[in-house]
Amino acid sequence: MISKKPKYLRPRILVLVTSEARNNPKIKAIKEAKRGIPHVYPNPAVGCVIHDGSKILSTGYHKMFGGNHAEYDALQNLDKSARGLTMYVSLEPCAHVGKTGACSDLIDPKIFKRIVIAEKDPNKKAHNKRALANLRLVLIGFNFMAIL
C-alpha cells in the first residue's frame, strides 16, 4: 500500500506574476504560443513578440495548421518605420517554403537588431543556415517549466 504524504510535505510550485514578468517579452512569447494549442497540430505552437527595449510593440502566434506563422502575425501590426527592435520567438524562424512562405524572408535586418529564439527548429526542412545567416539570431533557452 502506498502511503500519501501529508499536505505540508508535498512539493508545491509557486509562480509569482510580477509586473516585470508580465512585461517580459520571453514570457509573453510563450504565452502567445500557448494560444495556438491545439489548433496548429501537427505543427508546433509558436509565439512571437516584437520589443523596442522598453515596451512590447506587437505580438503574434500561429493560429491554425496551414495558417500564417507567428512572425507574420506579429509583423502585420508593426510600424515598418521602426528600427533597432528585438524579436522574441519561441521557435527558430522557418527558412523554407511550405504552406506559407519562409519566415526568415519576412524579417528585415534593417528593422531588427537581433532575433532571440527559445530553441532551434528540430525540423531539418525548416532549418537553413544560409537563409538564416543574415539574421542576428541569439539562442537562449527560455525556462518553459517556469512559464507554463
C-alpha atoms as a PDB file:
ATOM      1  CA  MET A   1       0.000   0.000   0.000  1.00  0.00           C
ATOM      2  CA  ILE A   2       1.293   3.420  -0.946  1.00  0.00           C
ATOM      3  CA  SER A   3       1.033   5.957   1.787  1.00  0.00           C
ATOM      4  CA  LYS A   4       0.148   9.530   0.994  1.00  0.00           C
ATOM      5  CA  LYS A   5       2.439  12.277   2.155  1.00  0.00           C
ATOM      6  CA  PRO A   6       0.870  14.862   4.416  1.00  0.00           C
ATOM      7  CA  LYS A   7      -0.037  18.063   2.579  1.00  0.00           C
ATOM      8  CA  TYR A   8       2.738  20.026   4.234  1.00  0.00           C
ATOM      9  CA  LEU A   9       5.351  17.625   2.735  1.00  0.00           C
ATOM     10  CA  ARG A  10       4.033  17.666  -0.831  1.00  0.00           C
ATOM     11  CA  PRO A  11       6.099  19.717  -3.257  1.00  0.00           C
ATOM     12  CA  ARG A  12       4.452  22.926  -4.365  1.00  0.00           C
ATOM     13  CA  ILE A  13       5.053  25.140  -7.311  1.00  0.00           C
ATOM     14  CA  LEU A  14       4.501  28.786  -6.666  1.00  0.00           C
ATOM     15  CA  VAL A  15       4.570  31.160  -9.592  1.00  0.00           C
ATOM     16  CA  LEU A  16       4.575  34.819  -8.742  1.00  0.00           C
ATOM     17  CA  VAL A  17       3.387  37.017 -11.553  1.00  0.00           C
ATOM     18  CA  THR A  18       5.009  40.368 -11.091  1.00  0.00           C
ATOM     19  CA  SER A  19       4.686  43.351 -13.372  1.00  0.00           C
ATOM     20  CA  GLU A  20       8.238  42.588 -14.522  1.00  0.00           C
ATOM     21  CA  ALA A  21       7.199  39.050 -15.540  1.00  0.00           C
ATOM     22  CA  ARG A  22       4.067  40.326 -17.281  1.00  0.00           C
ATOM     23  CA  ASN A  23       6.141  42.670 -19.433  1.00  0.00           C
ATOM     24  CA  ASN A  24       8.916  40.150 -20.091  1.00  0.00           C
ATOM     25  CA  PRO A  25       8.934  39.501 -23.851  1.00  0.00           C
ATOM     26  CA  LYS A  26      10.260  35.938 -23.420  1.00  0.00           C
ATOM     27  CA  ILE A  27       7.342  35.014 -21.177  1.00  0.00           C
ATOM     28  CA  LYS A  28       4.885  36.804 -23.456  1.00  0.00           C
ATOM     29  CA  ALA A  29       6.200  34.838 -26.486  1.00  0.00           C
ATOM     30  CA  ILE A  30       5.472  31.548 -24.707  1.00  0.00           C
ATOM     31  CA  LYS A  31       2.025  32.741 -23.640  1.00  0.00           C
ATOM     32  CA  GLU A  32       1.284  33.767 -27.220  1.00  0.00           C
ATOM     33  CA  ALA A  33       2.381  30.305 -28.424  1.00  0.00           C
ATOM     34  CA  LYS A  34       0.005  28.613 -25.987  1.00  0.00           C
ATOM     35  CA  ARG A  35      -2.925  30.421 -27.638  1.00  0.00           C
ATOM     36  CA  GLY A  36      -2.466  28.253 -30.758  1.00  0.00           C
ATOM     37  CA  ILE A  37      -2.816  24.944 -28.946  1.00  0.00           C
ATOM     38  CA  PRO A  38      -4.412  22.590 -30.212  1.00  0.00           C
ATOM     39  CA  HIS A  39      -5.315  24.321 -33.493  1.00  0.00           C
ATOM     40  CA  VAL A  40      -1.832  24.213 -35.044  1.00  0.00           C
ATOM     41  CA  TYR A  41      -1.325  20.470 -34.623  1.00  0.00           C
ATOM     42  CA  PRO A  42       0.725  18.730 -36.076  1.00  0.00           C
ATOM     43  CA  ASN A  43       2.862  21.883 -36.305  1.00  0.00           C
ATOM     44  CA  PRO A  44       4.423  23.329 -33.159  1.00  0.00           C
ATOM     45  CA  ALA A  45       2.740  26.189 -31.333  1.00  0.00           C
ATOM     46  CA  VAL A  46       4.851  29.321 -31.823  1.00  0.00           C
ATOM     47  CA  GLY A  47       4.603  32.784 -30.324  1.00  0.00           C
ATOM     48  CA  CYS A  48       6.345  35.993 -31.327  1.00  0.00           C
ATOM     49  CA  VAL A  49       6.880  39.308 -29.549  1.00  0.00           C
ATOM     50  CA  ILE A  50       8.438  42.448 -31.016  1.00  0.00           C
ATOM     51  CA  HIS A  51      10.098  44.660 -28.432  1.00  0.00           C
ATOM     52  CA  ASP A  52      11.832  48.037 -28.687  1.00  0.00           C
ATOM     53  CA  GLY A  53      13.860  47.717 -25.498  1.00  0.00           C
ATOM     54  CA  SER A  54      11.309  49.361 -23.244  1.00  0.00           C
ATOM     55  CA  LYS A  55       7.911  48.062 -24.326  1.00  0.00           C
ATOM     56  CA  ILE A  56       6.165  45.411 -26.395  1.00  0.00           C
ATOM     57  CA  LEU A  57       5.156  46.818 -29.777  1.00  0.00           C
ATOM     58  CA  SER A  58       3.468  43.805 -31.355  1.00  0.00           C
ATOM     59  CA  THR A  59       2.656  40.145 -30.709  1.00  0.00           C
ATOM     60  CA  GLY A  60       1.579  37.220 -32.811  1.00  0.00           C
ATOM     61  CA  TYR A  61       1.062  33.486 -32.731  1.00  0.00           C
ATOM     62  CA  HIS A  62       0.474  30.605 -35.126  1.00  0.00           C
ATOM     63  CA  LYS A  63      -3.308  30.367 -35.037  1.00  0.00           C
ATOM     64  CA  MET A  64      -4.083  27.244 -37.089  1.00  0.00           C
ATOM     65  CA  PHE A  65      -2.474  24.491 -39.128  1.00  0.00           C
ATOM     66  CA  GLY A  66      -1.637  25.818 -42.585  1.00  0.00           C
ATOM     67  CA  GLY A  67      -2.178  29.414 -41.477  1.00  0.00           C
ATOM     68  CA  ASN A  68       0.221  32.290 -41.123  1.00  0.00           C
ATOM     69  CA  HIS A  69       3.090  31.824 -38.733  1.00  0.00           C
ATOM     70  CA  ALA A  70       3.654  33.821 -35.541  1.00  0.00           C
ATOM     71  CA  GLU A  71       6.307  36.083 -37.084  1.00  0.00           C
ATOM     72  CA  TYR A  72       3.984  37.065 -39.939  1.00  0.00           C
ATOM     73  CA  ASP A  73       1.178  37.720 -37.480  1.00  0.00           C
ATOM     74  CA  ALA A  74       3.347  39.980 -35.305  1.00  0.00           C
ATOM     75  CA  LEU A  75       4.767  41.878 -38.286  1.00  0.00           C
ATOM     76  CA  GLN A  76       1.286  42.769 -39.564  1.00  0.00           C
ATOM     77  CA  ASN A  77       0.715  45.105 -36.603  1.00  0.00           C
ATOM     78  CA  LEU A  78       4.162  46.714 -36.658  1.00  0.00           C
ATOM     79  CA  ASP A  79       5.065  50.194 -37.821  1.00  0.00           C
ATOM     80  CA  LYS A  80       7.544  49.491 -40.638  1.00  0.00           C
ATOM     81  CA  SER A  81       9.495  52.683 -39.923  1.00  0.00           C
ATOM     82  CA  ALA A  82      10.690  51.347 -36.543  1.00  0.00           C
ATOM     83  CA  ARG A  83      14.381  50.460 -36.197  1.00  0.00           C
ATOM     84  CA  GLY A  84      16.632  48.686 -33.695  1.00  0.00           C
ATOM     85  CA  LEU A  85      13.986  46.236 -32.494  1.00  0.00           C
ATOM     86  CA  THR A  86      14.308  42.789 -30.970  1.00  0.00           C
ATOM     87  CA  MET A  87      12.092  39.892 -31.995  1.00  0.00           C
ATOM     88  CA  TYR A  88      11.476  37.155 -29.421  1.00  0.00           C
ATOM     89  CA  VAL A  89      10.267  33.882 -30.929  1.00  0.00           C
ATOM     90  CA  SER A  90       9.568  30.625 -29.126  1.00  0.00           C
ATOM     91  CA  LEU A  91      10.963  28.632 -32.089  1.00  0.00           C
ATOM     92  CA  GLU A  92      13.598  29.489 -34.686  1.00  0.00           C
ATOM     93  CA  PRO A  93      12.001  31.234 -37.716  1.00  0.00           C
ATOM     94  CA  CYS A  94      11.468  28.743 -40.521  1.00  0.00           C
ATOM     95  CA  ALA A  95      13.641  29.076 -43.613  1.00  0.00           C
ATOM     96  CA  HIS A  96      11.677  27.003 -46.109  1.00  0.00           C
ATOM     97  CA  VAL A  97       8.539  27.396 -48.200  1.00  0.00           C
ATOM     98  CA  GLY A  98       5.676  25.049 -47.395  1.00  0.00           C
ATOM     99  CA  LYS A  99       2.033  26.035 -46.932  1.00  0.00           C
ATOM    100  CA  THR A 100       3.354  29.532 -46.159  1.00  0.00           C
ATOM    101  CA  GLY A 101       6.453  31.474 -47.119  1.00  0.00           C
ATOM    102  CA  ALA A 102       9.699  31.369 -45.187  1.00  0.00           C
ATOM    103  CA  CYS A 103       9.556  33.467 -42.017  1.00  0.00           C
ATOM    104  CA  SER A 104      13.266  34.226 -42.337  1.00  0.00           C
ATOM    105  CA  ASP A 105      12.466  36.143 -45.542  1.00  0.00           C
ATOM    106  CA  LEU A 106       9.957  38.346 -43.689  1.00  0.00           C
ATOM    107  CA  ILE A 107      12.413  39.542 -41.064  1.00  0.00           C
ATOM    108  CA  ASP A 108      14.119  42.729 -42.246  1.00  0.00           C
ATOM    109  CA  PRO A 109      17.624  43.136 -40.758  1.00  0.00           C
ATOM    110  CA  LYS A 110      17.210  46.912 -41.096  1.00  0.00           C
ATOM    111  CA  ILE A 111      14.348  46.812 -38.584  1.00  0.00           C
ATOM    112  CA  PHE A 112      15.623  44.134 -36.197  1.00  0.00           C
ATOM    113  CA  LYS A 113      18.942  44.344 -34.402  1.00  0.00           C
ATOM    114  CA  ARG A 114      18.535  40.802 -33.093  1.00  0.00           C
ATOM    115  CA  ILE A 115      16.235  37.797 -33.062  1.00  0.00           C
ATOM    116  CA  VAL A 116      16.015  35.903 -29.765  1.00  0.00           C
ATOM    117  CA  ILE A 117      14.816  32.316 -30.052  1.00  0.00           C
ATOM    118  CA  ALA A 118      13.973  29.836 -27.336  1.00  0.00           C
ATOM    119  CA  GLU A 119      15.063  26.809 -29.335  1.00  0.00           C
ATOM    120  CA  LYS A 120      16.254  25.728 -32.750  1.00  0.00           C
ATOM    121  CA  ASP A 121      13.733  24.138 -35.075  1.00  0.00           C
ATOM    122  CA  PRO A 122      14.222  20.345 -34.965  1.00  0.00           C
ATOM    123  CA  ASN A 123      12.655  20.021 -38.439  1.00  0.00           C
ATOM    124  CA  LYS A 124      15.567  19.717 -40.882  1.00  0.00           C
ATOM    125  CA  LYS A 125      13.471  21.243 -43.702  1.00  0.00           C
ATOM    126  CA  ALA A 126      12.694  24.329 -41.648  1.00  0.00           C
ATOM    127  CA  HIS A 127      16.329  24.994 -40.725  1.00  0.00           C
ATOM    128  CA  ASN A 128      18.504  26.523 -43.461  1.00  0.00           C
ATOM    129  CA  LYS A 129      21.810  28.018 -42.283  1.00  0.00           C
ATOM    130  CA  ARG A 130      22.313  30.042 -45.457  1.00  0.00           C
ATOM    131  CA  ALA A 131      18.850  31.628 -45.289  1.00  0.00           C
ATOM    132  CA  LEU A 132      19.232  32.409 -41.595  1.00  0.00           C
ATOM    133  CA  ALA A 133      22.796  33.766 -41.902  1.00  0.00           C
ATOM    134  CA  ASN A 134      21.717  37.394 -42.398  1.00  0.00           C
ATOM    135  CA  LEU A 135      19.614  37.368 -39.214  1.00  0.00           C
ATOM    136  CA  ARG A 136      21.238  38.138 -35.900  1.00  0.00           C
ATOM    137  CA  LEU A 137      19.968  35.052 -34.087  1.00  0.00           C
ATOM    138  CA  VAL A 138      20.575  34.645 -30.376  1.00  0.00           C
ATOM    139  CA  LEU A 139      19.693  31.234 -28.952  1.00  0.00           C
ATOM    140  CA  ILE A 140      18.609  31.368 -25.343  1.00  0.00           C
ATOM    141  CA  GLY A 141      16.836  28.602 -23.517  1.00  0.00           C
ATOM    142  CA  PHE A 142      13.631  30.029 -22.119  1.00  0.00           C
ATOM    143  CA  ASN A 143      12.722  28.243 -18.904  1.00  0.00           C
ATOM    144  CA  PHE A 144       9.468  26.708 -20.164  1.00  0.00           C
ATOM    145  CA  MET A 145       8.624  24.989 -16.880  1.00  0.00           C
ATOM    146  CA  ALA A 146       8.605  28.286 -15.021  1.00  0.00           C
ATOM    147  CA  ILE A 147       6.285  29.815 -17.593  1.00  0.00           C
ATOM    148  CA  LEU A 148       3.803  27.020 -18.203  1.00  0.00           C
END
